[in-house]
Amino acid sequence: MQKPIAIATRVEHATAMQFLGWRNAWAVAQWTGCVFFVPEGAESPFRRNTEMDRGNGHVKENAPAFLIFGRDQSYARVDILDWIVQDAFGLFKHVQVRAFGEIFDERED
């Protein structure tokens, strides 16, 4: 009978860019080729319920800006200060700011 074996993950070199809002939305879009910027207070199906006015169902004026990131019908919301990471295979993924430091260490080239 086959038994499980112990394994370890490989060290992977990746590149990353943090989304800082309008200041670098264009840079993120050029780098990934797969994002759409949603400005502060704009309508979007990716808005959270807390960003909607319960009285009239409209988006609150101060609802934060964010990116819609993805390809091939698979999309994620990237909030300000979240990261987009390109792995060693060239694939992009979204990493929330609170998880980034637990997963990655910055390195000098």
Protein backbone atom coordinates (compact mmCIF):
# COMPACT_ATOMS: atom_id res chain seq x y z
CA MET A 1 0.00 0.00 0.00
CA GLN A 2 1.33 3.41 -0.95
CA LYS A 3 2.00 5.88 1.85
CA PRO A 4 2.24 9.67 1.61
CA ILE A 5 5.71 11.15 1.34
CA ALA A 6 7.03 14.33 2.94
CA ILE A 7 7.69 17.17 0.51
CA ALA A 8 8.81 20.79 0.64
CA THR A 9 8.00 23.68 -1.64
CA ARG A 10 10.69 25.01 -3.95
CA VAL A 11 12.08 28.47 -3.54
CA GLU A 12 10.40 30.52 -6.21
CA HIS A 13 11.59 33.86 -7.51
CA ALA A 14 8.79 36.20 -8.41
CA THR A 15 8.14 39.87 -9.13
CA ALA A 16 5.42 41.92 -7.50
CA MET A 17 3.78 45.32 -7.64
CA GLN A 18 1.64 46.85 -4.93
CA PHE A 19 -1.53 48.63 -6.03
CA LEU A 20 -1.45 52.18 -4.64
CA GLY A 21 -4.63 53.53 -6.19
CA TRP A 22 -4.81 55.95 -9.09
CA ARG A 23 -1.09 56.77 -8.64
CA ASN A 24 0.03 53.48 -10.17
CA ALA A 25 -3.10 51.95 -11.72
CA TRP A 26 -1.73 52.57 -15.23
CA ALA A 27 1.64 50.99 -14.35
CA VAL A 28 -0.10 47.88 -12.99
CA ALA A 29 -2.28 47.69 -16.10
CA GLN A 30 0.71 47.97 -18.43
CA TRP A 31 2.66 45.36 -16.48
CA THR A 32 -0.11 42.76 -16.27
CA GLY A 33 -2.23 43.58 -19.31
CA CYS A 34 -5.24 42.27 -17.43
CA VAL A 35 -6.70 44.88 -15.08
CA PHE A 36 -9.52 47.39 -15.10
CA PHE A 37 -9.47 50.40 -12.75
CA VAL A 38 -12.68 51.26 -10.86
CA PRO A 39 -12.50 54.83 -9.52
CA GLU A 40 -13.71 55.94 -6.10
CA GLY A 41 -17.51 56.04 -5.98
CA ALA A 42 -18.01 54.37 -9.39
CA GLU A 43 -20.55 51.62 -10.06
CA SER A 44 -19.21 48.06 -10.35
CA PRO A 45 -20.57 44.54 -9.81
CA PHE A 46 -17.47 44.00 -7.64
CA ARG A 47 -18.63 46.54 -5.04
CA ARG A 48 -19.17 45.22 -1.52
CA ASN A 49 -22.52 45.62 0.21
CA THR A 50 -20.91 47.99 2.73
CA GLU A 51 -20.05 50.34 -0.16
CA MET A 52 -23.70 50.71 -1.15
CA ASP A 53 -26.21 53.17 0.30
CA ARG A 54 -28.90 51.02 1.91
CA GLY A 55 -31.49 53.74 1.43
CA ASN A 56 -31.34 53.98 -2.34
CA GLY A 57 -28.97 51.20 -3.49
CA HIS A 58 -26.47 53.60 -5.07
CA VAL A 59 -22.72 53.45 -4.53
CA LYS A 60 -21.50 55.67 -1.69
CA GLU A 61 -19.42 58.65 -2.85
CA ASN A 62 -16.49 57.60 -0.68
CA ALA A 63 -16.51 53.94 -1.79
CA PRO A 64 -12.81 53.16 -2.42
CA ALA A 65 -11.14 52.70 -5.78
CA PHE A 66 -9.94 49.21 -6.73
CA LEU A 67 -8.78 47.09 -9.65
CA ILE A 68 -10.60 44.24 -11.31
CA PHE A 69 -7.85 41.75 -12.11
CA GLY A 70 -8.01 38.58 -14.16
CA ARG A 71 -8.44 36.76 -17.44
CA ASP A 72 -10.66 34.12 -18.99
CA GLN A 73 -13.78 34.76 -16.88
CA SER A 74 -11.82 34.48 -13.62
CA TYR A 75 -11.69 37.86 -11.90
CA ALA A 76 -10.72 39.18 -8.48
CA ARG A 77 -10.99 42.52 -6.76
CA VAL A 78 -7.62 44.08 -5.88
CA ASP A 79 -7.94 46.67 -3.13
CA ILE A 80 -5.51 49.53 -2.51
CA LEU A 81 -2.30 48.17 -0.89
CA ASP A 82 -2.92 44.61 -2.17
CA TRP A 83 -0.26 43.03 -4.37
CA ILE A 84 -0.14 41.44 -7.81
CA VAL A 85 2.59 38.81 -8.11
CA GLN A 86 4.06 37.31 -11.27
CA ASP A 87 5.49 33.87 -10.55
CA ALA A 88 8.46 32.14 -12.18
CA PHE A 89 6.16 30.75 -14.90
CA GLY A 90 4.85 34.20 -15.84
CA LEU A 91 1.45 33.71 -14.25
CA PHE A 92 -0.11 36.57 -12.30
CA LYS A 93 -1.96 36.21 -9.02
CA HIS A 94 -3.56 38.54 -6.50
CA VAL A 95 -2.23 38.52 -2.93
CA GLN A 96 -3.95 40.48 -0.19
CA VAL A 97 -1.76 42.89 1.76
CA ARG A 98 -2.22 41.01 5.05
CA ALA A 99 -0.93 37.75 3.51
CA PHE A 100 1.90 39.15 1.39
CA GLY A 101 4.50 39.40 4.19
CA GLU A 102 3.73 35.87 5.35
CA ILE A 103 4.28 34.43 1.87
CA PHE A 104 7.07 36.52 0.34
CA ASP A 105 10.35 38.13 1.35
CA GLU A 106 11.73 41.06 -0.64
CA ARG A 107 15.12 40.33 -2.18
CA GLU A 108 17.82 42.46 -3.74
CA ASP A 109 18.88 41.69 -7.30
